[in-house]
Amino acid sequence: MTGHTRMSPLTALFIGIFGVGAVGIVSATLIVFAGMLIIGDKAGDLVRFADGTITTTLDRLPGLIESLPESLGDILNDGRAPEYSDNLDVQVAFAADEWSRGIRPVMTITNRGEEVV
């Protein structure tokens, strides 16, 4: 009959470390799954809220644009006119920048037409 041998301290250390690690992994997995269930339940509510908010905002948007100052309303009603680009001169140069002790681009746009750009 053989007697029961005692566990070495190194074996006990490994069993303890891996036991704590296994419990940590299982706990983290359960927390992640619970979080995913909560997020899944709330995602539908969030989508319905966003849809209602966007729909309400879009319904009131024309009135909001009309109530803005003229300069801001013009920005929102911007129209593109590529044919007008012949009336614009664009020059780009690099100038010394004392603040950063480097160079910075400087853009000069000259409007030779009658429209405001």
PDB file of N, CA and C in Angstrom:
ATOM      1  N   MET A   1       0.822  -1.143   0.000  1.00  0.00           N
ATOM      2  CA  MET A   1       0.000   0.000   0.000  1.00  0.00           C
ATOM      3  C   MET A   1       0.894   1.242   0.000  1.00  0.00           C
ATOM      4  N   THR A   2       0.605   2.130  -0.939  1.00  0.00           N
ATOM      5  CA  THR A   2       1.415   3.331  -1.030  1.00  0.00           C
ATOM      6  C   THR A   2       0.724   4.458  -0.282  1.00  0.00           C
ATOM      7  N   GLY A   3       1.515   5.294   0.313  1.00  0.00           N
ATOM      8  CA  GLY A   3       0.957   6.416   1.052  1.00  0.00           C
ATOM      9  C   GLY A   3       0.708   7.603   0.126  1.00  0.00           C
ATOM     10  N   HIS A   4      -0.097   8.472   0.584  1.00  0.00           N
ATOM     11  CA  HIS A   4      -0.420   9.676  -0.197  1.00  0.00           C
ATOM     12  C   HIS A   4       0.745  10.661  -0.085  1.00  0.00           C
ATOM     13  N   THR A   5       1.243  11.113  -1.223  1.00  0.00           N
ATOM     14  CA  THR A   5       2.350  12.074  -1.206  1.00  0.00           C
ATOM     15  C   THR A   5       1.790  13.490  -1.160  1.00  0.00           C
ATOM     16  N   ARG A   6       2.495  14.359  -0.524  1.00  0.00           N
ATOM     17  CA  ARG A   6       2.068  15.749  -0.412  1.00  0.00           C
ATOM     18  C   ARG A   6       2.395  16.511  -1.684  1.00  0.00           C
ATOM     19  N   MET A   7       1.652  17.522  -1.963  1.00  0.00           N
ATOM     20  CA  MET A   7       1.846  18.372  -3.133  1.00  0.00           C
ATOM     21  C   MET A   7       3.009  19.323  -2.847  1.00  0.00           C
ATOM     22  N   SER A   8       3.838  19.523  -3.852  1.00  0.00           N
ATOM     23  CA  SER A   8       4.961  20.440  -3.671  1.00  0.00           C
ATOM     24  C   SER A   8       4.443  21.879  -3.709  1.00  0.00           C
ATOM     25  N   PRO A   9       5.167  22.814  -3.121  1.00  0.00           N
ATOM     26  CA  PRO A   9       4.727  24.221  -3.157  1.00  0.00           C
ATOM     27  C   PRO A   9       4.621  24.764  -4.575  1.00  0.00           C
ATOM     28  N   LEU A  10       5.503  24.350  -5.462  1.00  0.00           N
ATOM     29  CA  LEU A  10       5.440  24.810  -6.847  1.00  0.00           C
ATOM     30  C   LEU A  10       4.166  24.321  -7.532  1.00  0.00           C
ATOM     31  N   THR A  11       3.771  23.078  -7.294  1.00  0.00           N
ATOM     32  CA  THR A  11       2.531  22.543  -7.867  1.00  0.00           C
ATOM     33  C   THR A  11       1.326  23.301  -7.319  1.00  0.00           C
ATOM     34  N   ALA A  12       1.325  23.563  -6.021  1.00  0.00           N
ATOM     35  CA  ALA A  12       0.225  24.320  -5.428  1.00  0.00           C
ATOM     36  C   ALA A  12       0.140  25.723  -6.024  1.00  0.00           C
ATOM     37  N   LEU A  13       1.313  26.351  -6.271  1.00  0.00           N
ATOM     38  CA  LEU A  13       1.330  27.675  -6.882  1.00  0.00           C
ATOM     39  C   LEU A  13       0.734  27.638  -8.277  1.00  0.00           C
ATOM     40  N   PHE A  14       1.123  26.677  -9.097  1.00  0.00           N
ATOM     41  CA  PHE A  14       0.578  26.560 -10.454  1.00  0.00           C
ATOM     42  C   PHE A  14      -0.927  26.304 -10.426  1.00  0.00           C
ATOM     43  N   ILE A  15      -1.378  25.408  -9.550  1.00  0.00           N
ATOM     44  CA  ILE A  15      -2.812  25.125  -9.476  1.00  0.00           C
ATOM     45  C   ILE A  15      -3.569  26.382  -9.046  1.00  0.00           C
ATOM     46  N   GLY A  16      -3.019  27.111  -8.087  1.00  0.00           N
ATOM     47  CA  GLY A  16      -3.669  28.342  -7.635  1.00  0.00           C
ATOM     48  C   GLY A  16      -3.736  29.388  -8.722  1.00  0.00           C
ATOM     49  N   ILE A  17      -2.625  29.608  -9.431  1.00  0.00           N
ATOM     50  CA  ILE A  17      -2.595  30.615 -10.505  1.00  0.00           C
ATOM     51  C   ILE A  17      -3.565  30.253 -11.620  1.00  0.00           C
ATOM     52  N   PHE A  18      -3.524  28.999 -12.075  1.00  0.00           N
ATOM     53  CA  PHE A  18      -4.406  28.602 -13.163  1.00  0.00           C
ATOM     54  C   PHE A  18      -5.857  28.545 -12.716  1.00  0.00           C
ATOM     55  N   GLY A  19      -6.115  28.214 -11.451  1.00  0.00           N
ATOM     56  CA  GLY A  19      -7.488  28.228 -10.937  1.00  0.00           C
ATOM     57  C   GLY A  19      -8.060  29.630 -10.912  1.00  0.00           C
ATOM     58  N   VAL A  20      -7.267  30.598 -10.416  1.00  0.00           N
ATOM     59  CA  VAL A  20      -7.719  31.986 -10.406  1.00  0.00           C
ATOM     60  C   VAL A  20      -7.896  32.498 -11.835  1.00  0.00           C
ATOM     61  N   GLY A  21      -6.980  32.138 -12.719  1.00  0.00           N
ATOM     62  CA  GLY A  21      -7.094  32.547 -14.126  1.00  0.00           C
ATOM     63  C   GLY A  21      -8.352  31.991 -14.780  1.00  0.00           C
ATOM     64  N   ALA A  22      -8.669  30.702 -14.501  1.00  0.00           N
ATOM     65  CA  ALA A  22      -9.864  30.085 -15.094  1.00  0.00           C
ATOM     66  C   ALA A  22     -11.122  30.765 -14.564  1.00  0.00           C
ATOM     67  N   VAL A  23     -11.166  31.048 -13.267  1.00  0.00           N
ATOM     68  CA  VAL A  23     -12.322  31.737 -12.693  1.00  0.00           C
ATOM     69  C   VAL A  23     -12.449  33.139 -13.297  1.00  0.00           C
ATOM     70  N   GLY A  24     -11.312  33.838 -13.507  1.00  0.00           N
ATOM     71  CA  GLY A  24     -11.332  35.167 -14.119  1.00  0.00           C
ATOM     72  C   GLY A  24     -11.855  35.131 -15.543  1.00  0.00           C
ATOM     73  N   ILE A  25     -11.424  34.147 -16.307  1.00  0.00           N
ATOM     74  CA  ILE A  25     -11.874  34.033 -17.703  1.00  0.00           C
ATOM     75  C   ILE A  25     -13.377  33.745 -17.756  1.00  0.00           C
ATOM     76  N   VAL A  26     -13.843  32.820 -16.915  1.00  0.00           N
ATOM     77  CA  VAL A  26     -15.274  32.493 -16.908  1.00  0.00           C
ATOM     78  C   VAL A  26     -16.086  33.710 -16.470  1.00  0.00           C
ATOM     79  N   SER A  27     -15.619  34.426 -15.442  1.00  0.00           N
ATOM     80  CA  SER A  27     -16.340  35.610 -14.967  1.00  0.00           C
ATOM     81  C   SER A  27     -16.393  36.690 -16.045  1.00  0.00           C
ATOM     82  N   ALA A  28     -15.261  36.942 -16.700  1.00  0.00           N
ATOM     83  CA  ALA A  28     -15.227  37.958 -17.755  1.00  0.00           C
ATOM     84  C   ALA A  28     -16.154  37.574 -18.907  1.00  0.00           C
ATOM     85  N   THR A  29     -16.185  36.290 -19.250  1.00  0.00           N
ATOM     86  CA  THR A  29     -17.068  35.836 -20.324  1.00  0.00           C
ATOM     87  C   THR A  29     -18.534  36.060 -19.957  1.00  0.00           C
ATOM     88  N   LEU A  30     -18.891  35.744 -18.713  1.00  0.00           N
ATOM     89  CA  LEU A  30     -20.271  35.960 -18.293  1.00  0.00           C
ATOM     90  C   LEU A  30     -20.630  37.447 -18.270  1.00  0.00           C
ATOM     91  N   ILE A  31     -19.700  38.292 -17.855  1.00  0.00           N
ATOM     92  CA  ILE A  31     -19.961  39.737 -17.848  1.00  0.00           C
ATOM     93  C   ILE A  31     -20.153  40.257 -19.265  1.00  0.00           C
ATOM     94  N   VAL A  32     -19.324  39.788 -20.195  1.00  0.00           N
ATOM     95  CA  VAL A  32     -19.447  40.224 -21.594  1.00  0.00           C
ATOM     96  C   VAL A  32     -20.784  39.772 -22.182  1.00  0.00           C
ATOM     97  N   PHE A  33     -21.172  38.519 -21.925  1.00  0.00           N
ATOM     98  CA  PHE A  33     -22.457  38.042 -22.446  1.00  0.00           C
ATOM     99  C   PHE A  33     -23.623  38.812 -21.843  1.00  0.00           C
ATOM    100  N   ALA A  34     -23.565  39.097 -20.538  1.00  0.00           N
ATOM    101  CA  ALA A  34     -24.639  39.870 -19.910  1.00  0.00           C
ATOM    102  C   ALA A  34     -24.694  41.278 -20.503  1.00  0.00           C
ATOM    103  N   GLY A  35     -23.530  41.883 -20.740  1.00  0.00           N
ATOM    104  CA  GLY A  35     -23.494  43.204 -21.365  1.00  0.00           C
ATOM    105  C   GLY A  35     -24.067  43.189 -22.765  1.00  0.00           C
ATOM    106  N   MET A  36     -23.764  42.129 -23.514  1.00  0.00           N
ATOM    107  CA  MET A  36     -24.305  42.028 -24.873  1.00  0.00           C
ATOM    108  C   MET A  36     -25.823  41.895 -24.851  1.00  0.00           C
ATOM    109  N   LEU A  37     -26.362  41.158 -23.868  1.00  0.00           N
ATOM    110  CA  LEU A  37     -27.815  41.038 -23.771  1.00  0.00           C
ATOM    111  C   LEU A  37     -28.444  42.384 -23.435  1.00  0.00           C
ATOM    112  N   ILE A  38     -27.836  43.117 -22.525  1.00  0.00           N
ATOM    113  CA  ILE A  38     -28.371  44.437 -22.160  1.00  0.00           C
ATOM    114  C   ILE A  38     -28.314  45.383 -23.351  1.00  0.00           C
ATOM    115  N   ILE A  39     -27.178  45.389 -24.046  1.00  0.00           N
ATOM    116  CA  ILE A  39     -27.036  46.258 -25.220  1.00  0.00           C
ATOM    117  C   ILE A  39     -28.035  45.870 -26.301  1.00  0.00           C
ATOM    118  N   GLY A  40     -28.234  44.557 -26.497  1.00  0.00           N
ATOM    119  CA  GLY A  40     -29.203  44.099 -27.492  1.00  0.00           C
ATOM    120  C   GLY A  40     -30.606  44.549 -27.171  1.00  0.00           C
ATOM    121  N   ASP A  41     -30.963  44.536 -25.879  1.00  0.00           N
ATOM    122  CA  ASP A  41     -32.303  44.984 -25.483  1.00  0.00           C
ATOM    123  C   ASP A  41     -32.469  46.488 -25.693  1.00  0.00           C
ATOM    124  N   LYS A  42     -31.440  47.245 -25.401  1.00  0.00           N
ATOM    125  CA  LYS A  42     -31.534  48.698 -25.474  1.00  0.00           C
ATOM    126  C   LYS A  42     -31.289  49.239 -26.887  1.00  0.00           C
ATOM    127  N   ALA A  43     -30.684  48.458 -27.762  1.00  0.00           N
ATOM    128  CA  ALA A  43     -30.385  48.945 -29.112  1.00  0.00           C
ATOM    129  C   ALA A  43     -31.669  49.267 -29.882  1.00  0.00           C
ATOM    130  N   GLY A  44     -32.688  48.431 -29.723  1.00  0.00           N
ATOM    131  CA  GLY A  44     -33.959  48.695 -30.394  1.00  0.00           C
ATOM    132  C   GLY A  44     -34.591  49.991 -29.920  1.00  0.00           C
ATOM    133  N   ASP A  45     -34.527  50.230 -28.600  1.00  0.00           N
ATOM    134  CA  ASP A  45     -35.059  51.489 -28.066  1.00  0.00           C
ATOM    135  C   ASP A  45     -34.301  52.683 -28.622  1.00  0.00           C
ATOM    136  N   LEU A  46     -32.985  52.555 -28.723  1.00  0.00           N
ATOM    137  CA  LEU A  46     -32.161  53.645 -29.241  1.00  0.00           C
ATOM    138  C   LEU A  46     -32.469  53.928 -30.710  1.00  0.00           C
ATOM    139  N   VAL A  47     -32.657  52.881 -31.496  1.00  0.00           N
ATOM    140  CA  VAL A  47     -32.972  53.066 -32.921  1.00  0.00           C
ATOM    141  C   VAL A  47     -34.334  53.748 -33.078  1.00  0.00           C
ATOM    142  N   ARG A  48     -35.316  53.332 -32.279  1.00  0.00           N
ATOM    143  CA  ARG A  48     -36.633  53.973 -32.361  1.00  0.00           C
ATOM    144  C   ARG A  48     -36.568  55.435 -31.930  1.00  0.00           C
ATOM    145  N   PHE A  49     -35.781  55.721 -30.897  1.00  0.00           N
ATOM    146  CA  PHE A  49     -35.620  57.097 -30.453  1.00  0.00           C
ATOM    147  C   PHE A  49     -34.957  57.947 -31.541  1.00  0.00           C
ATOM    148  N   ALA A  50     -33.881  57.417 -32.142  1.00  0.00           N
ATOM    149  CA  ALA A  50     -33.181  58.168 -33.186  1.00  0.00           C
ATOM    150  C   ALA A  50     -34.081  58.388 -34.393  1.00  0.00           C
ATOM    151  N   ASP A  51     -34.844  57.377 -34.764  1.00  0.00           N
ATOM    152  CA  ASP A  51     -35.738  57.517 -35.915  1.00  0.00           C
ATOM    153  C   ASP A  51     -36.790  58.586 -35.658  1.00  0.00           C
ATOM    154  N   GLY A  52     -37.366  58.585 -34.471  1.00  0.00           N
ATOM    155  CA  GLY A  52     -38.361  59.609 -34.142  1.00  0.00           C
ATOM    156  C   GLY A  52     -37.765  61.001 -34.096  1.00  0.00           C
ATOM    157  N   THR A  53     -36.550  61.112 -33.550  1.00  0.00           N
ATOM    158  CA  THR A  53     -35.895  62.419 -33.465  1.00  0.00           C
ATOM    159  C   THR A  53     -35.551  62.946 -34.846  1.00  0.00           C
ATOM    160  N   ILE A  54     -35.011  62.106 -35.694  1.00  0.00           N
ATOM    161  CA  ILE A  54     -34.629  62.532 -37.044  1.00  0.00           C
ATOM    162  C   ILE A  54     -35.863  62.913 -37.852  1.00  0.00           C
ATOM    163  N   THR A  55     -36.914  62.114 -37.748  1.00  0.00           N
ATOM    164  CA  THR A  55     -38.134  62.411 -38.490  1.00  0.00           C
ATOM    165  C   THR A  55     -38.733  63.749 -38.050  1.00  0.00           C
ATOM    166  N   THR A  56     -38.762  63.982 -36.736  1.00  0.00           N
ATOM    167  CA  THR A  56     -39.297  65.244 -36.224  1.00  0.00           C
ATOM    168  C   THR A  56     -38.439  66.418 -36.677  1.00  0.00           C
ATOM    169  N   THR A  57     -37.137  66.258 -36.621  1.00  0.00           N
ATOM    170  CA  THR A  57     -36.230  67.335 -37.029  1.00  0.00           C
ATOM    171  C   THR A  57     -36.368  67.631 -38.515  1.00  0.00           C
ATOM    172  N   LEU A  58     -36.460  66.598 -39.337  1.00  0.00           N
ATOM    173  CA  LEU A  58     -36.597  66.813 -40.781  1.00  0.00           C
ATOM    174  C   LEU A  58     -37.924  67.479 -41.121  1.00  0.00           C
ATOM    175  N   ASP A  59     -38.963  67.183 -40.351  1.00  0.00           N
ATOM    176  CA  ASP A  59     -40.249  67.833 -40.600  1.00  0.00           C
ATOM    177  C   ASP A  59     -40.179  69.325 -40.288  1.00  0.00           C
ATOM    178  N   ARG A  60     -39.376  69.710 -39.281  1.00  0.00           N
ATOM    179  CA  ARG A  60     -39.277  71.115 -38.889  1.00  0.00           C
ATOM    180  C   ARG A  60     -38.123  71.842 -39.573  1.00  0.00           C
ATOM    181  N   LEU A  61     -37.328  71.153 -40.374  1.00  0.00           N
ATOM    182  CA  LEU A  61     -36.136  71.752 -40.968  1.00  0.00           C
ATOM    183  C   LEU A  61     -36.421  72.956 -41.864  1.00  0.00           C
ATOM    184  N   PRO A  62     -37.406  72.943 -42.749  1.00  0.00           N
ATOM    185  CA  PRO A  62     -37.635  74.142 -43.573  1.00  0.00           C
ATOM    186  C   PRO A  62     -37.917  75.387 -42.738  1.00  0.00           C
ATOM    187  N   GLY A  63     -38.683  75.249 -41.674  1.00  0.00           N
ATOM    188  CA  GLY A  63     -38.957  76.396 -40.814  1.00  0.00           C
ATOM    189  C   GLY A  63     -37.714  76.871 -40.084  1.00  0.00           C
ATOM    190  N   LEU A  64     -36.854  75.925 -39.703  1.00  0.00           N
ATOM    191  CA  LEU A  64     -35.620  76.307 -39.029  1.00  0.00           C
ATOM    192  C   LEU A  64     -34.693  77.082 -39.962  1.00  0.00           C
ATOM    193  N   ILE A  65     -34.591  76.651 -41.213  1.00  0.00           N
ATOM    194  CA  ILE A  65     -33.725  77.338 -42.177  1.00  0.00           C
ATOM    195  C   ILE A  65     -34.231  78.751 -42.440  1.00  0.00           C
ATOM    196  N   GLU A  66     -35.558  78.902 -42.533  1.00  0.00           N
ATOM    197  CA  GLU A  66     -36.115  80.235 -42.790  1.00  0.00           C
ATOM    198  C   GLU A  66     -35.918  81.179 -41.604  1.00  0.00           C
ATOM    199  N   SER A  67     -35.837  80.632 -40.396  1.00  0.00           N
ATOM    200  CA  SER A  67     -35.678  81.485 -39.218  1.00  0.00           C
ATOM    201  C   SER A  67     -34.222  81.877 -38.964  1.00  0.00           C
ATOM    202  N   LEU A  68     -33.290  81.291 -39.691  1.00  0.00           N
ATOM    203  CA  LEU A  68     -31.875  81.633 -39.515  1.00  0.00           C
ATOM    204  C   LEU A  68     -31.564  83.004 -40.110  1.00  0.00           C
ATOM    205  N   PRO A  69     -30.501  83.633 -39.646  1.00  0.00           N
ATOM    206  CA  PRO A  69     -30.056  84.865 -40.313  1.00  0.00           C
ATOM    207  C   PRO A  69     -29.694  84.568 -41.768  1.00  0.00           C
ATOM    208  N   GLU A  70     -29.760  85.582 -42.599  1.00  0.00           N
ATOM    209  CA  GLU A  70     -29.568  85.408 -44.040  1.00  0.00           C
ATOM    210  C   GLU A  70     -28.223  84.791 -44.380  1.00  0.00           C
ATOM    211  N   SER A  71     -27.177  85.203 -43.664  1.00  0.00           N
ATOM    212  CA  SER A  71     -25.845  84.681 -43.974  1.00  0.00           C
ATOM    213  C   SER A  71     -25.762  83.181 -43.707  1.00  0.00           C
ATOM    214  N   LEU A  72     -26.393  82.699 -42.643  1.00  0.00           N
ATOM    215  CA  LEU A  72     -26.378  81.262 -42.370  1.00  0.00           C
ATOM    216  C   LEU A  72     -27.314  80.510 -43.305  1.00  0.00           C
ATOM    217  N   GLY A  73     -28.432  81.087 -43.642  1.00  0.00           N
ATOM    218  CA  GLY A  73     -29.337  80.445 -44.586  1.00  0.00           C
ATOM    219  C   GLY A  73     -28.709  80.267 -45.955  1.00  0.00           C
ATOM    220  N   ASP A  74     -27.892  81.249 -46.379  1.00  0.00           N
ATOM    221  CA  ASP A  74     -27.197  81.135 -47.662  1.00  0.00           C
ATOM    222  C   ASP A  74     -26.215  79.971 -47.665  1.00  0.00           C
ATOM    223  N   ILE A  75     -25.587  79.725 -46.542  1.00  0.00           N
ATOM    224  CA  ILE A  75     -24.644  78.608 -46.467  1.00  0.00           C
ATOM    225  C   ILE A  75     -25.370  77.292 -46.676  1.00  0.00           C
ATOM    226  N   LEU A  76     -26.544  77.136 -46.065  1.00  0.00           N
ATOM    227  CA  LEU A  76     -27.297  75.893 -46.193  1.00  0.00           C
ATOM    228  C   LEU A  76     -27.929  75.733 -47.570  1.00  0.00           C
ATOM    229  N   ASN A  77     -28.173  76.824 -48.277  1.00  0.00           N
ATOM    230  CA  ASN A  77     -28.742  76.770 -49.624  1.00  0.00           C
ATOM    231  C   ASN A  77     -27.662  76.966 -50.681  1.00  0.00           C
ATOM    232  N   ASP A  78     -26.499  76.487 -50.389  1.00  0.00           N
ATOM    233  CA  ASP A  78     -25.350  76.676 -51.275  1.00  0.00           C
ATOM    234  C   ASP A  78     -25.583  75.950 -52.597  1.00  0.00           C
ATOM    235  N   GLY A  79     -25.225  76.619 -53.683  1.00  0.00           N
ATOM    236  CA  GLY A  79     -25.318  76.012 -54.993  1.00  0.00           C
ATOM    237  C   GLY A  79     -23.960  75.998 -55.672  1.00  0.00           C
ATOM    238  N   ARG A  80     -23.667  74.956 -56.383  1.00  0.00           N
ATOM    239  CA  ARG A  80     -22.387  74.829 -57.069  1.00  0.00           C
ATOM    240  C   ARG A  80     -22.493  75.404 -58.480  1.00  0.00           C
ATOM    241  N   ALA A  81     -21.453  76.124 -58.909  1.00  0.00           N
ATOM    242  CA  ALA A  81     -21.405  76.681 -60.254  1.00  0.00           C
ATOM    243  C   ALA A  81     -19.992  76.468 -60.800  1.00  0.00           C
ATOM    244  N   PRO A  82     -19.702  75.292 -61.325  1.00  0.00           N
ATOM    245  CA  PRO A  82     -18.351  75.014 -61.819  1.00  0.00           C
ATOM    246  C   PRO A  82     -17.924  75.941 -62.957  1.00  0.00           C
ATOM    247  N   GLU A  83     -18.885  76.457 -63.723  1.00  0.00           N
ATOM    248  CA  GLU A  83     -18.539  77.338 -64.835  1.00  0.00           C
ATOM    249  C   GLU A  83     -17.987  78.676 -64.342  1.00  0.00           C
ATOM    250  N   TYR A  84     -18.237  79.029 -63.087  1.00  0.00           N
ATOM    251  CA  TYR A  84     -17.760  80.289 -62.528  1.00  0.00           C
ATOM    252  C   TYR A  84     -16.283  80.215 -62.145  1.00  0.00           C
ATOM    253  N   SER A  85     -15.724  79.026 -62.122  1.00  0.00           N
ATOM    254  CA  SER A  85     -14.323  78.866 -61.689  1.00  0.00           C
ATOM    255  C   SER A  85     -13.344  79.602 -62.613  1.00  0.00           C
ATOM    256  N   ASP A  86     -13.763  79.931 -63.844  1.00  0.00           N
ATOM    257  CA  ASP A  86     -12.885  80.702 -64.738  1.00  0.00           C
ATOM    258  C   ASP A  86     -12.664  82.129 -64.205  1.00  0.00           C
ATOM    259  N   ASN A  87     -13.560  82.617 -63.358  1.00  0.00           N
ATOM    260  CA  ASN A  87     -13.434  83.963 -62.799  1.00  0.00           C
ATOM    261  C   ASN A  87     -12.615  84.010 -61.511  1.00  0.00           C
ATOM    262  N   LEU A  88     -12.078  82.873 -61.085  1.00  0.00           N
ATOM    263  CA  LEU A  88     -11.316  82.803 -59.837  1.00  0.00           C
ATOM    264  C   LEU A  88      -9.847  82.517 -60.127  1.00  0.00           C
ATOM    265  N   ASP A  89      -8.973  83.272 -59.485  1.00  0.00           N
ATOM    266  CA  ASP A  89      -7.535  83.000 -59.542  1.00  0.00           C
ATOM    267  C   ASP A  89      -7.114  82.493 -58.170  1.00  0.00           C
ATOM    268  N   VAL A  90      -6.486  81.335 -58.147  1.00  0.00           N
ATOM    269  CA  VAL A  90      -6.055  80.733 -56.890  1.00  0.00           C
ATOM    270  C   VAL A  90      -4.544  80.620 -56.912  1.00  0.00           C
ATOM    271  N   GLN A  91      -3.914  81.148 -55.877  1.00  0.00           N
ATOM    272  CA  GLN A  91      -2.451  81.064 -55.751  1.00  0.00           C
ATOM    273  C   GLN A  91      -2.124  80.513 -54.377  1.00  0.00           C
ATOM    274  N   VAL A  92      -1.197  79.579 -54.344  1.00  0.00           N
ATOM    275  CA  VAL A  92      -0.757  78.987 -53.079  1.00  0.00           C
ATOM    276  C   VAL A  92       0.743  79.175 -52.976  1.00  0.00           C
ATOM    277  N   ALA A  93       1.180  79.646 -51.824  1.00  0.00           N
ATOM    278  CA  ALA A  93       2.615  79.832 -51.582  1.00  0.00           C
ATOM    279  C   ALA A  93       2.897  79.401 -50.146  1.00  0.00           C
ATOM    280  N   PHE A  94       4.156  79.164 -49.846  1.00  0.00           N
ATOM    281  CA  PHE A  94       4.567  78.803 -48.498  1.00  0.00           C
ATOM    282  C   PHE A  94       5.281  79.990 -47.871  1.00  0.00           C
ATOM    283  N   ALA A  95       4.903  80.304 -46.635  1.00  0.00           N
ATOM    284  CA  ALA A  95       5.495  81.436 -45.930  1.00  0.00           C
ATOM    285  C   ALA A  95       6.068  80.946 -44.610  1.00  0.00           C
ATOM    286  N   ALA A  96       7.038  81.668 -44.095  1.00  0.00           N
ATOM    287  CA  ALA A  96       7.628  81.311 -42.811  1.00  0.00           C
ATOM    288  C   ALA A  96       6.620  81.542 -41.701  1.00  0.00           C
ATOM    289  N   ASP A  97       6.583  80.638 -40.760  1.00  0.00           N
ATOM    290  CA  ASP A  97       5.684  80.740 -39.623  1.00  0.00           C
ATOM    291  C   ASP A  97       6.524  80.913 -38.367  1.00  0.00           C
ATOM    292  N   GLU A  98       6.462  82.098 -37.782  1.00  0.00           N
ATOM    293  CA  GLU A  98       7.298  82.380 -36.621  1.00  0.00           C
ATOM    294  C   GLU A  98       6.849  81.593 -35.397  1.00  0.00           C
ATOM    295  N   TRP A  99       5.569  81.326 -35.307  1.00  0.00           N
ATOM    296  CA  TRP A  99       5.055  80.648 -34.123  1.00  0.00           C
ATOM    297  C   TRP A  99       5.594  79.225 -34.008  1.00  0.00           C
ATOM    298  N   SER A 100       5.569  78.487 -35.110  1.00  0.00           N
ATOM    299  CA  SER A 100       6.052  77.108 -35.066  1.00  0.00           C
ATOM    300  C   SER A 100       7.468  76.971 -35.637  1.00  0.00           C
ATOM    301  N   ARG A 101       8.020  78.078 -36.096  1.00  0.00           N
ATOM    302  CA  ARG A 101       9.370  78.086 -36.687  1.00  0.00           C
ATOM    303  C   ARG A 101       9.482  77.114 -37.854  1.00  0.00           C
ATOM    304  N   GLY A 102       8.428  77.074 -38.630  1.00  0.00           N
ATOM    305  CA  GLY A 102       8.410  76.239 -39.821  1.00  0.00           C
ATOM    306  C   GLY A 102       7.819  77.029 -40.967  1.00  0.00           C
ATOM    307  N   ILE A 103       7.140  76.320 -41.856  1.00  0.00           N
ATOM    308  CA  ILE A 103       6.468  76.986 -42.966  1.00  0.00           C
ATOM    309  C   ILE A 103       4.987  76.647 -42.898  1.00  0.00           C
ATOM    310  N   ARG A 104       4.181  77.516 -43.497  1.00  0.00           N
ATOM    311  CA  ARG A 104       2.746  77.296 -43.559  1.00  0.00           C
ATOM    312  C   ARG A 104       2.265  77.677 -44.946  1.00  0.00           C
ATOM    313  N   PRO A 105       1.240  77.012 -45.443  1.00  0.00           N
ATOM    314  CA  PRO A 105       0.699  77.378 -46.753  1.00  0.00           C
ATOM    315  C   PRO A 105      -0.175  78.627 -46.645  1.00  0.00           C
ATOM    316  N   VAL A 106      -0.057  79.501 -47.631  1.00  0.00           N
ATOM    317  CA  VAL A 106      -0.879  80.706 -47.706  1.00  0.00           C
ATOM    318  C   VAL A 106      -1.611  80.662 -49.045  1.00  0.00           C
ATOM    319  N   MET A 107      -2.945  80.720 -48.983  1.00  0.00           N
ATOM    320  CA  MET A 107      -3.752  80.634 -50.189  1.00  0.00           C
ATOM    321  C   MET A 107      -4.387  81.998 -50.446  1.00  0.00           C
ATOM    322  N   THR A 108      -4.248  82.468 -51.680  1.00  0.00           N
ATOM    323  CA  THR A 108      -4.844  83.734 -52.076  1.00  0.00           C
ATOM    324  C   THR A 108      -5.822  83.456 -53.207  1.00  0.00           C
ATOM    325  N   ILE A 109      -7.070  83.863 -53.006  1.00  0.00           N
ATOM    326  CA  ILE A 109      -8.103  83.656 -54.019  1.00  0.00           C
ATOM    327  C   ILE A 109      -8.600  85.021 -54.449  1.00  0.00           C
ATOM    328  N   THR A 110      -8.514  85.290 -55.761  1.00  0.00           N
ATOM    329  CA  THR A 110      -8.966  86.561 -56.318  1.00  0.00           C
ATOM    330  C   THR A 110     -10.208  86.288 -57.169  1.00  0.00           C
ATOM    331  N   ASN A 111     -11.268  86.998 -56.857  1.00  0.00           N
ATOM    332  CA  ASN A 111     -12.522  86.859 -57.581  1.00  0.00           C
ATOM    333  C   ASN A 111     -12.614  87.984 -58.607  1.00  0.00           C
ATOM    334  N   ARG A 112     -12.561  87.625 -59.892  1.00  0.00           N
ATOM    335  CA  ARG A 112     -12.650  88.624 -60.949  1.00  0.00           C
ATOM    336  C   ARG A 112     -14.069  88.769 -61.487  1.00  0.00           C
ATOM    337  N   GLY A 113     -14.994  88.003 -60.951  1.00  0.00           N
ATOM    338  CA  GLY A 113     -16.382  88.059 -61.408  1.00  0.00           C
ATOM    339  C   GLY A 113     -17.227  88.949 -60.522  1.00  0.00           C
ATOM    340  N   GLU A 114     -18.541  88.902 -60.754  1.00  0.00           N
ATOM    341  CA  GLU A 114     -19.467  89.751 -60.014  1.00  0.00           C
ATOM    342  C   GLU A 114     -20.208  89.004 -58.915  1.00  0.00           C
ATOM    343  N   GLU A 115     -20.088  87.700 -58.857  1.00  0.00           N
ATOM    344  CA  GLU A 115     -20.801  86.894 -57.845  1.00  0.00           C
ATOM    345  C   GLU A 115     -19.964  86.820 -56.573  1.00  0.00           C
ATOM    346  N   VAL A 116     -20.646  86.640 -55.450  1.00  0.00           N
ATOM    347  CA  VAL A 116     -19.963  86.452 -54.160  1.00  0.00           C
ATOM    348  C   VAL A 116     -19.657  84.968 -54.013  1.00  0.00           C
ATOM    349  N   VAL A 117     -18.418  84.674 -53.676  1.00  0.00           N
ATOM    350  CA  VAL A 117     -18.001  83.274 -53.530  1.00  0.00           C
ATOM    351  C   VAL A 117     -17.672  83.013 -52.081  1.00  0.00           C
TER     352      VAL A 117
END
